[in-house]
């Protein structure tokens, strides 16, 4: 079993920065791909960044210049650094964790609101 908890969201002015965290506990030894998804109000959830062991991080093209995904395996935590925040970045950010056995887990999400 895997538990996924996101944190770090909040209300930020345009141009500001945030670092989101995704803490994973449980069967972390079998974690493979991890990703950050975003769901804006009234829109579908979309993948904004993902990281896999031994592979280059992948990004949604529209955010690649401002988002950086990273993971600290020693802490079982994944991060998403978001710079130069824009109003269209607002939404709920979810962490997705995939296991070698094909299992996939989601956190409860962390809210990001970009507004002046």
Protein backbone atom coordinates (compact mmCIF):
# COMPACT_ATOMS: atom_id res chain seq x y z
CA UNK A 1 0.00 0.00 0.00
CA UNK A 2 1.17 3.52 -0.79
CA UNK A 3 0.11 6.81 0.76
CA UNK A 4 0.55 10.03 -1.22
CA UNK A 5 0.31 13.48 0.35
CA UNK A 6 0.73 16.76 -1.52
CA UNK A 7 1.50 20.09 0.09
CA UNK A 8 2.80 23.54 -0.75
CA UNK A 9 -0.13 25.11 -2.55
CA UNK A 10 -1.57 28.50 -1.74
CA UNK A 11 -2.53 31.93 -2.99
CA UNK A 12 0.23 33.61 -4.97
CA UNK A 13 0.43 36.79 -7.00
CA UNK A 14 1.25 36.56 -10.70
CA UNK A 15 4.99 36.32 -11.19
CA UNK A 16 5.51 34.57 -7.88
CA UNK A 17 6.88 31.10 -7.19
CA UNK A 18 5.79 28.00 -5.35
CA UNK A 19 7.33 24.64 -4.57
CA UNK A 20 4.90 21.78 -4.30
CA UNK A 21 5.85 18.63 -2.45
CA UNK A 22 4.58 15.07 -2.77
CA UNK A 23 5.48 12.78 0.12
CA UNK A 24 5.17 9.05 -0.51
CA UNK A 25 5.05 6.40 2.22
CA UNK A 26 4.50 2.66 2.20
CA UNK A 27 5.88 0.41 -0.55
CA UNK A 28 8.21 3.08 -1.89
CA UNK A 29 10.84 0.60 -3.06
CA UNK A 30 8.71 -0.27 -6.08
CA UNK A 31 7.86 3.27 -7.21
CA UNK A 32 8.59 3.97 -10.87
CA UNK A 33 7.10 6.94 -12.74
CA UNK A 34 5.83 9.86 -10.69
CA UNK A 35 3.95 12.78 -12.10
CA UNK A 36 2.24 16.05 -11.33
CA UNK A 37 -1.21 16.66 -12.77
CA UNK A 38 -3.24 19.86 -12.76
CA UNK A 39 -6.99 20.29 -12.87
CA UNK A 40 -8.37 23.75 -13.44
CA UNK A 41 -12.02 24.51 -12.62
CA UNK A 42 -14.27 23.05 -15.30
CA UNK A 43 -11.39 21.38 -17.12
CA UNK A 44 -9.96 17.90 -17.37
CA UNK A 45 -6.99 16.84 -15.33
CA UNK A 46 -3.78 17.20 -17.35
CA UNK A 47 -0.25 15.96 -16.91
CA UNK A 48 2.16 18.86 -16.42
CA UNK A 49 5.36 17.00 -15.52
CA UNK A 50 6.61 13.49 -14.87
CA UNK A 51 9.83 11.81 -13.87
CA UNK A 52 10.98 8.22 -14.24
CA UNK A 53 14.18 6.59 -12.95
CA UNK A 54 16.96 6.93 -15.48
CA UNK A 55 14.87 9.02 -17.85
CA UNK A 56 14.67 12.69 -18.74
CA UNK A 57 11.82 14.57 -17.13
CA UNK A 58 8.86 15.31 -19.37
CA UNK A 59 6.78 18.48 -19.33
CA UNK A 60 3.64 19.91 -20.82
CA UNK A 61 5.14 22.21 -23.49
CA UNK A 62 3.30 25.28 -22.24
CA UNK A 63 4.92 25.04 -18.79
CA UNK A 64 8.35 23.61 -19.57
CA UNK A 65 10.18 26.93 -19.23
CA UNK A 66 8.72 27.62 -15.77
CA UNK A 67 8.19 24.23 -14.11
CA UNK A 68 10.88 21.94 -12.72
CA UNK A 69 10.15 18.46 -11.42
CA UNK A 70 12.55 16.68 -9.11
CA UNK A 71 12.58 13.79 -6.67
CA UNK A 72 14.56 13.03 -3.56
CA UNK A 73 14.55 9.25 -3.29
CA UNK A 74 16.15 9.33 0.15
CA UNK A 75 13.17 11.33 1.43
CA UNK A 76 10.59 9.57 -0.78
CA UNK A 77 9.47 13.00 -1.92
CA UNK A 78 8.85 14.58 -5.28
CA UNK A 79 8.78 18.32 -5.89
CA UNK A 80 7.44 20.72 -8.46
CA UNK A 81 9.07 24.13 -8.58
CA UNK A 82 6.83 26.63 -10.35
CA UNK A 83 8.26 30.02 -11.27
CA UNK A 84 6.67 33.09 -12.83
CA UNK A 85 3.21 31.88 -11.92
CA UNK A 86 0.35 32.88 -14.18
CA UNK A 87 -3.39 32.96 -13.49
CA UNK A 88 -3.83 30.01 -15.86
CA UNK A 89 -1.65 27.92 -13.54
CA UNK A 90 -4.45 27.99 -10.97
CA UNK A 91 -6.05 24.70 -10.10
CA UNK A 92 -5.64 21.62 -7.99
CA UNK A 93 -2.29 19.90 -8.37
CA UNK A 94 -2.27 16.14 -7.88
CA UNK A 95 0.62 13.77 -7.42
CA UNK A 96 0.49 10.42 -9.20
CA UNK A 97 2.68 7.51 -8.15
CA UNK A 98 3.10 4.34 -10.18
CA UNK A 99 4.44 1.01 -8.96
CA UNK A 100 6.29 -1.81 -10.70
CA UNK A 101 3.26 -4.08 -10.25
CA UNK A 102 1.10 -1.66 -12.20
CA UNK A 103 -0.58 -0.03 -9.23
CA UNK A 104 -1.22 3.70 -9.36
CA UNK A 105 -1.94 6.02 -6.46
CA UNK A 106 -3.13 9.60 -6.17
CA UNK A 107 -2.95 12.17 -3.43
CA UNK A 108 -5.79 14.43 -2.34
CA UNK A 109 -4.37 17.40 -4.22
CA UNK A 110 -3.09 20.81 -3.24
CA UNK A 111 -4.76 24.02 -4.37
CA UNK A 112 -2.89 26.72 -6.24
CA UNK A 113 -4.51 30.08 -6.86
CA UNK A 114 -2.70 32.76 -8.82
CA UNK A 115 -4.36 36.10 -8.43
CA UNK A 116 -3.56 39.71 -7.69
